[in-house]
Amino acid sequence: MGGSVVGTVICSGPIVIMAASFSNVAYERLPLEEEEPPQFLIPSSAIESSSDAVGEQQQRQQALAE
């Protein structure tokens, strides 16, 4: 082995030869990585006011049920 430019090739261990044939190609498409939608930060005051509104709505429903 070797060539006229490099000379003789000497290996220090076993040689493994791998070959592939592309005559019967089967393509496998990988799923595209979808970008996560941006997450918006909600101010803590907005969270408190929304929880107050939920509490008021529950109180109204309980009053109507009674």
Protein backbone atom coordinates (compact mmCIF):
# COMPACT_ATOMS: atom_id res chain seq x y z
CA MET A 1 0.00 0.00 0.00
CA GLY A 2 0.98 3.58 -0.25
CA GLY A 3 1.74 5.71 -3.20
CA SER A 4 4.56 7.25 -5.18
CA VAL A 5 4.25 10.56 -3.33
CA VAL A 6 4.05 9.33 0.27
CA GLY A 7 5.73 5.99 0.14
CA THR A 8 4.90 2.83 2.04
CA VAL A 9 2.05 3.01 4.58
CA ILE A 10 2.70 1.17 7.83
CA CYS A 11 -0.03 0.71 10.44
CA SER A 12 0.39 0.08 14.13
CA GLY A 13 -2.84 -1.92 14.63
CA PRO A 14 -5.71 -3.67 12.88
CA ILE A 15 -7.32 -2.00 9.87
CA VAL A 16 -11.12 -1.81 9.58
CA ILE A 17 -12.59 -1.13 6.15
CA MET A 18 -16.14 0.26 5.95
CA ALA A 19 -18.08 0.54 2.72
CA ALA A 20 -21.50 1.91 1.86
CA SER A 21 -23.71 1.47 -1.17
CA PHE A 22 -26.12 4.19 -2.22
CA SER A 23 -27.94 2.32 -4.97
CA ASN A 24 -31.09 1.85 -2.84
CA VAL A 25 -31.28 5.11 -0.90
CA ALA A 26 -33.91 5.60 1.82
CA TYR A 27 -34.12 9.15 3.08
CA GLU A 28 -35.12 9.81 6.67
CA ARG A 29 -36.11 13.34 7.52
CA LEU A 30 -35.38 14.62 10.98
CA PRO A 31 -38.04 16.81 12.59
CA LEU A 32 -37.31 20.51 12.48
CA GLU A 33 -36.48 22.14 15.76
CA GLU A 34 -39.38 24.43 16.55
CA GLU A 35 -38.65 27.66 18.31
CA GLU A 36 -40.40 28.09 21.63
CA PRO A 37 -42.79 31.04 21.71
CA PRO A 38 -41.44 33.97 23.70
CA GLN A 39 -42.58 34.00 27.28
CA PHE A 40 -43.63 37.39 28.54
CA LEU A 41 -43.01 38.43 32.12
CA ILE A 42 -46.16 39.42 34.00
CA PRO A 43 -45.72 42.08 36.68
CA SER A 44 -46.57 40.83 40.16
CA SER A 45 -49.22 43.56 40.53
CA ALA A 46 -51.09 42.10 37.53
CA ILE A 47 -51.04 38.65 39.14
CA GLU A 48 -52.39 40.02 42.42
CA SER A 49 -55.20 41.95 40.71
CA SER A 50 -56.20 38.92 38.63
CA SER A 51 -56.31 36.70 41.73
CA ASP A 52 -58.49 39.31 43.45
CA ALA A 53 -60.87 39.25 40.47
CA VAL A 54 -61.08 35.45 40.63
CA GLY A 55 -61.85 35.60 44.35
CA GLU A 56 -64.61 38.16 43.79
CA GLN A 57 -66.14 36.04 41.03
CA GLN A 58 -66.17 32.97 43.30
CA GLN A 59 -67.86 34.98 46.06
CA ARG A 60 -70.57 36.17 43.62
CA GLN A 61 -71.20 32.60 42.45
CA GLN A 62 -71.51 31.38 46.05
CA ALA A 63 -73.93 34.22 46.88
CA LEU A 64 -76.10 33.39 43.87
CA ALA A 65 -76.12 29.69 44.79
CA GLU A 66 -77.36 30.43 48.31
